[in-house]
Amino acid sequence: LVAVQTPQGFRAAPLLAAYEEAAA
């Protein structure tokens, strides 16, 4: 187990697509 921090980083295109789907 790890205690998660930020910044959290992701490749931009799949990150944007995931957030748009989450919003929908």
PDB file of all heavy atoms in Angstrom:
ATOM      1  N   LEU A   1       0.834  -1.196   0.000  1.00  0.00           N
ATOM      2  CA  LEU A   1       0.000   0.000   0.000  1.00  0.00           C
ATOM      3  C   LEU A   1       0.868   1.245   0.000  1.00  0.00           C
ATOM      4  O   LEU A   1       1.915   1.297   0.653  1.00  0.00           O
ATOM      5  CB  LEU A   1      -0.916   0.015   1.222  1.00  0.00           C
ATOM      6  CG  LEU A   1      -1.992  -1.068   1.297  1.00  0.00           C
ATOM      7  CD1 LEU A   1      -2.805  -0.897   2.567  1.00  0.00           C
ATOM      8  CD2 LEU A   1      -2.903  -1.012   0.076  1.00  0.00           C
ATOM      9  N   VAL A   2       0.428   2.262  -0.732  1.00  0.00           N
ATOM     10  CA  VAL A   2       1.128   3.533  -0.752  1.00  0.00           C
ATOM     11  C   VAL A   2       0.137   4.660  -0.515  1.00  0.00           C
ATOM     12  O   VAL A   2      -1.038   4.557  -0.885  1.00  0.00           O
ATOM     13  CB  VAL A   2       1.875   3.772  -2.092  1.00  0.00           C
ATOM     14  CG1 VAL A   2       2.949   2.725  -2.302  1.00  0.00           C
ATOM     15  CG2 VAL A   2       0.908   3.801  -3.268  1.00  0.00           C
ATOM     16  N   ALA A   3       0.603   5.717   0.126  1.00  0.00           N
ATOM     17  CA  ALA A   3      -0.185   6.940   0.292  1.00  0.00           C
ATOM     18  C   ALA A   3       0.038   7.798  -0.945  1.00  0.00           C
ATOM     19  O   ALA A   3       1.154   8.229  -1.219  1.00  0.00           O
ATOM     20  CB  ALA A   3       0.239   7.677   1.554  1.00  0.00           C
ATOM     21  N   VAL A   4      -1.020   8.032  -1.692  1.00  0.00           N
ATOM     22  CA  VAL A   4      -0.918   8.689  -2.992  1.00  0.00           C
ATOM     23  C   VAL A   4      -0.859  10.203  -2.827  1.00  0.00           C
ATOM     24  O   VAL A   4      -1.565  10.790  -2.006  1.00  0.00           O
ATOM     25  CB  VAL A   4      -2.104   8.281  -3.886  1.00  0.00           C
ATOM     26  CG1 VAL A   4      -2.103   9.075  -5.182  1.00  0.00           C
ATOM     27  CG2 VAL A   4      -2.038   6.786  -4.183  1.00  0.00           C
ATOM     28  N   GLN A   5      -0.009  10.839  -3.622  1.00  0.00           N
ATOM     29  CA  GLN A   5       0.129  12.287  -3.646  1.00  0.00           C
ATOM     30  C   GLN A   5      -0.202  12.814  -5.045  1.00  0.00           C
ATOM     31  O   GLN A   5      -0.645  12.075  -5.924  1.00  0.00           O
ATOM     32  CB  GLN A   5       1.566  12.683  -3.279  1.00  0.00           C
ATOM     33  CG  GLN A   5       2.051  12.228  -1.910  1.00  0.00           C
ATOM     34  CD  GLN A   5       3.491  12.638  -1.652  1.00  0.00           C
ATOM     35  OE1 GLN A   5       4.206  13.087  -2.543  1.00  0.00           O
ATOM     36  NE2 GLN A   5       3.930  12.494  -0.406  1.00  0.00           N
ATOM     37  N   THR A   6       0.000  14.089  -5.224  1.00  0.00           N
ATOM     38  CA  THR A   6       0.014  14.714  -6.548  1.00  0.00           C
ATOM     39  C   THR A   6       1.365  15.419  -6.683  1.00  0.00           C
ATOM     40  O   THR A   6       2.025  15.676  -5.672  1.00  0.00           O
ATOM     41  CB  THR A   6      -1.131  15.727  -6.720  1.00  0.00           C
ATOM     42  OG1 THR A   6      -0.913  16.870  -5.879  1.00  0.00           O
ATOM     43  CG2 THR A   6      -2.472  15.102  -6.413  1.00  0.00           C
ATOM     44  N   PRO A   7       1.797  15.716  -7.930  1.00  0.00           N
ATOM     45  CA  PRO A   7       1.059  15.671  -9.195  1.00  0.00           C
ATOM     46  C   PRO A   7       0.919  14.246  -9.734  1.00  0.00           C
ATOM     47  O   PRO A   7       1.802  13.419  -9.557  1.00  0.00           O
ATOM     48  CB  PRO A   7       1.929  16.507 -10.144  1.00  0.00           C
ATOM     49  CG  PRO A   7       3.321  16.316  -9.621  1.00  0.00           C
ATOM     50  CD  PRO A   7       3.180  16.252  -8.125  1.00  0.00           C
ATOM     51  N   GLN A   8      -0.220  14.013 -10.380  1.00  0.00           N
ATOM     52  CA  GLN A   8      -0.458  12.765 -11.085  1.00  0.00           C
ATOM     53  C   GLN A   8      -0.438  13.078 -12.578  1.00  0.00           C
ATOM     54  O   GLN A   8      -1.089  14.022 -13.023  1.00  0.00           O
ATOM     55  CB  GLN A   8      -1.796  12.159 -10.657  1.00  0.00           C
ATOM     56  CG  GLN A   8      -1.816  11.836  -9.168  1.00  0.00           C
ATOM     57  CD  GLN A   8      -3.106  11.199  -8.704  1.00  0.00           C
ATOM     58  OE1 GLN A   8      -3.959  10.806  -9.500  1.00  0.00           O
ATOM     59  NE2 GLN A   8      -3.262  11.077  -7.384  1.00  0.00           N
ATOM     60  N   GLY A   9       0.343  12.305 -13.328  1.00  0.00           N
ATOM     61  CA  GLY A   9       0.558  12.627 -14.730  1.00  0.00           C
ATOM     62  C   GLY A   9       0.082  11.537 -15.664  1.00  0.00           C
ATOM     63  O   GLY A   9       0.209  10.343 -15.370  1.00  0.00           O
ATOM     64  N   PHE A  10      -0.461  11.940 -16.822  1.00  0.00           N
ATOM     65  CA  PHE A  10      -0.943  10.995 -17.825  1.00  0.00           C
ATOM     66  C   PHE A  10      -0.740  11.578 -19.217  1.00  0.00           C
ATOM     67  O   PHE A  10      -0.697  12.804 -19.387  1.00  0.00           O
ATOM     68  CB  PHE A  10      -2.441  10.707 -17.620  1.00  0.00           C
ATOM     69  CG  PHE A  10      -2.727   9.949 -16.356  1.00  0.00           C
ATOM     70  CD1 PHE A  10      -2.943  10.625 -15.161  1.00  0.00           C
ATOM     71  CD2 PHE A  10      -2.757   8.569 -16.355  1.00  0.00           C
ATOM     72  CE1 PHE A  10      -3.186   9.937 -13.986  1.00  0.00           C
ATOM     73  CE2 PHE A  10      -2.998   7.863 -15.184  1.00  0.00           C
ATOM     74  CZ  PHE A  10      -3.212   8.548 -14.006  1.00  0.00           C
ATOM     75  N   ARG A  11      -0.623  10.686 -20.184  1.00  0.00           N
ATOM     76  CA  ARG A  11      -0.615  11.141 -21.565  1.00  0.00           C
ATOM     77  C   ARG A  11      -1.917  11.887 -21.831  1.00  0.00           C
ATOM     78  O   ARG A  11      -2.998  11.481 -21.411  1.00  0.00           O
ATOM     79  CB  ARG A  11      -0.454   9.956 -22.509  1.00  0.00           C
ATOM     80  CG  ARG A  11       0.941   9.340 -22.438  1.00  0.00           C
ATOM     81  CD  ARG A  11       1.082   8.147 -23.352  1.00  0.00           C
ATOM     82  NE  ARG A  11       2.388   7.494 -23.166  1.00  0.00           N
ATOM     83  CZ  ARG A  11       2.651   6.241 -23.495  1.00  0.00           C
ATOM     84  NH1 ARG A  11       1.691   5.497 -24.052  1.00  0.00           N
ATOM     85  NH2 ARG A  11       3.850   5.725 -23.294  1.00  0.00           N
ATOM     86  N   ALA A  12      -1.783  12.973 -22.550  1.00  0.00           N
ATOM     87  CA  ALA A  12      -2.867  13.953 -22.604  1.00  0.00           C
ATOM     88  C   ALA A  12      -4.125  13.466 -23.310  1.00  0.00           C
ATOM     89  O   ALA A  12      -5.242  13.680 -22.816  1.00  0.00           O
ATOM     90  CB  ALA A  12      -2.356  15.227 -23.274  1.00  0.00           C
ATOM     91  N   ALA A  13      -3.988  12.826 -24.464  1.00  0.00           N
ATOM     92  CA  ALA A  13      -5.170  12.446 -25.240  1.00  0.00           C
ATOM     93  C   ALA A  13      -6.065  11.459 -24.502  1.00  0.00           C
ATOM     94  O   ALA A  13      -7.285  11.689 -24.392  1.00  0.00           O
ATOM     95  CB  ALA A  13      -4.749  11.908 -26.609  1.00  0.00           C
ATOM     96  N   PRO A  14      -5.544  10.339 -23.972  1.00  0.00           N
ATOM     97  CA  PRO A  14      -6.430   9.443 -23.230  1.00  0.00           C
ATOM     98  C   PRO A  14      -6.967  10.063 -21.948  1.00  0.00           C
ATOM     99  O   PRO A  14      -8.075   9.730 -21.509  1.00  0.00           O
ATOM    100  CB  PRO A  14      -5.552   8.222 -22.942  1.00  0.00           C
ATOM    101  CG  PRO A  14      -4.154   8.647 -23.181  1.00  0.00           C
ATOM    102  CD  PRO A  14      -4.206   9.752 -24.171  1.00  0.00           C
ATOM    103  N   LEU A  15      -6.213  10.977 -21.337  1.00  0.00           N
ATOM    104  CA  LEU A  15      -6.696  11.652 -20.132  1.00  0.00           C
ATOM    105  C   LEU A  15      -7.915  12.509 -20.444  1.00  0.00           C
ATOM    106  O   LEU A  15      -8.938  12.437 -19.754  1.00  0.00           O
ATOM    107  CB  LEU A  15      -5.574  12.508 -19.551  1.00  0.00           C
ATOM    108  CG  LEU A  15      -5.906  13.336 -18.297  1.00  0.00           C
ATOM    109  CD1 LEU A  15      -6.281  12.441 -17.130  1.00  0.00           C
ATOM    110  CD2 LEU A  15      -4.732  14.238 -17.930  1.00  0.00           C
ATOM    111  N   LEU A  16      -7.830  13.309 -21.501  1.00  0.00           N
ATOM    112  CA  LEU A  16      -8.962  14.144 -21.894  1.00  0.00           C
ATOM    113  C   LEU A  16     -10.165  13.286 -22.261  1.00  0.00           C
ATOM    114  O   LEU A  16     -11.299  13.574 -21.846  1.00  0.00           O
ATOM    115  CB  LEU A  16      -8.561  15.035 -23.073  1.00  0.00           C
ATOM    116  CG  LEU A  16      -9.668  15.900 -23.677  1.00  0.00           C
ATOM    117  CD1 LEU A  16     -10.242  16.871 -22.660  1.00  0.00           C
ATOM    118  CD2 LEU A  16      -9.130  16.658 -24.907  1.00  0.00           C
ATOM    119  N   ALA A  17      -9.954  12.222 -23.023  1.00  0.00           N
ATOM    120  CA  ALA A  17     -11.061  11.348 -23.428  1.00  0.00           C
ATOM    121  C   ALA A  17     -11.725  10.711 -22.218  1.00  0.00           C
ATOM    122  O   ALA A  17     -12.968  10.612 -22.152  1.00  0.00           O
ATOM    123  CB  ALA A  17     -10.550  10.277 -24.389  1.00  0.00           C
ATOM    124  N   ALA A  18     -10.942  10.279 -21.236  1.00  0.00           N
ATOM    125  CA  ALA A  18     -11.497   9.652 -20.044  1.00  0.00           C
ATOM    126  C   ALA A  18     -12.355  10.634 -19.258  1.00  0.00           C
ATOM    127  O   ALA A  18     -13.439  10.283 -18.761  1.00  0.00           O
ATOM    128  CB  ALA A  18     -10.365   9.112 -19.165  1.00  0.00           C
ATOM    129  N   TYR A  19     -11.908  11.879 -19.165  1.00  0.00           N
ATOM    130  CA  TYR A  19     -12.669  12.858 -18.398  1.00  0.00           C
ATOM    131  C   TYR A  19     -13.946  13.277 -19.114  1.00  0.00           C
ATOM    132  O   TYR A  19     -14.967  13.543 -18.471  1.00  0.00           O
ATOM    133  CB  TYR A  19     -11.787  14.072 -18.069  1.00  0.00           C
ATOM    134  CG  TYR A  19     -11.116  13.900 -16.723  1.00  0.00           C
ATOM    135  CD1 TYR A  19     -10.038  13.042 -16.577  1.00  0.00           C
ATOM    136  CD2 TYR A  19     -11.588  14.549 -15.594  1.00  0.00           C
ATOM    137  CE1 TYR A  19      -9.429  12.846 -15.347  1.00  0.00           C
ATOM    138  CE2 TYR A  19     -10.994  14.368 -14.361  1.00  0.00           C
ATOM    139  CZ  TYR A  19      -9.919  13.506 -14.239  1.00  0.00           C
ATOM    140  OH  TYR A  19      -9.340  13.295 -13.008  1.00  0.00           O
ATOM    141  N   GLU A  20     -13.911  13.328 -20.416  1.00  0.00           N
ATOM    142  CA  GLU A  20     -15.136  13.642 -21.147  1.00  0.00           C
ATOM    143  C   GLU A  20     -16.156  12.508 -20.991  1.00  0.00           C
ATOM    144  O   GLU A  20     -17.353  12.751 -20.828  1.00  0.00           O
ATOM    145  CB  GLU A  20     -14.826  13.892 -22.626  1.00  0.00           C
ATOM    146  CG  GLU A  20     -14.078  15.191 -22.893  1.00  0.00           C
ATOM    147  CD  GLU A  20     -14.908  16.438 -22.642  1.00  0.00           C
ATOM    148  OE1 GLU A  20     -16.065  16.341 -22.180  1.00  0.00           O
ATOM    149  OE2 GLU A  20     -14.387  17.555 -22.894  1.00  0.00           O
ATOM    150  N   GLU A  21     -15.676  11.260 -21.017  1.00  0.00           N
ATOM    151  CA  GLU A  21     -16.593  10.136 -20.818  1.00  0.00           C
ATOM    152  C   GLU A  21     -17.134  10.135 -19.394  1.00  0.00           C
ATOM    153  O   GLU A  21     -18.315   9.863 -19.165  1.00  0.00           O
ATOM    154  CB  GLU A  21     -15.896   8.818 -21.124  1.00  0.00           C
ATOM    155  CG  GLU A  21     -16.834   7.624 -21.038  1.00  0.00           C
ATOM    156  CD  GLU A  21     -16.207   6.323 -21.476  1.00  0.00           C
ATOM    157  OE1 GLU A  21     -15.042   6.326 -21.919  1.00  0.00           O
ATOM    158  OE2 GLU A  21     -16.901   5.282 -21.366  1.00  0.00           O
ATOM    159  N   ALA A  22     -16.275  10.435 -18.443  1.00  0.00           N
ATOM    160  CA  ALA A  22     -16.721  10.504 -17.052  1.00  0.00           C
ATOM    161  C   ALA A  22     -17.811  11.561 -16.876  1.00  0.00           C
ATOM    162  O   ALA A  22     -18.795  11.348 -16.160  1.00  0.00           O
ATOM    163  CB  ALA A  22     -15.537  10.806 -16.139  1.00  0.00           C
ATOM    164  N   ALA A  23     -17.638  12.706 -17.534  1.00  0.00           N
ATOM    165  CA  ALA A  23     -18.648  13.764 -17.446  1.00  0.00           C
ATOM    166  C   ALA A  23     -19.965  13.311 -18.052  1.00  0.00           C
ATOM    167  O   ALA A  23     -21.046  13.579 -17.507  1.00  0.00           O
ATOM    168  CB  ALA A  23     -18.140  15.020 -18.151  1.00  0.00           C
ATOM    169  N   ALA A  24     -19.892  12.613 -19.176  1.00  0.00           N
ATOM    170  CA  ALA A  24     -21.108  12.132 -19.835  1.00  0.00           C
ATOM    171  C   ALA A  24     -21.864  11.134 -18.965  1.00  0.00           C
ATOM    172  O   ALA A  24     -23.096  11.041 -19.034  1.00  0.00           O
ATOM    173  CB  ALA A  24     -20.753  11.504 -21.182  1.00  0.00           C
TER     174      ALA A  24
END
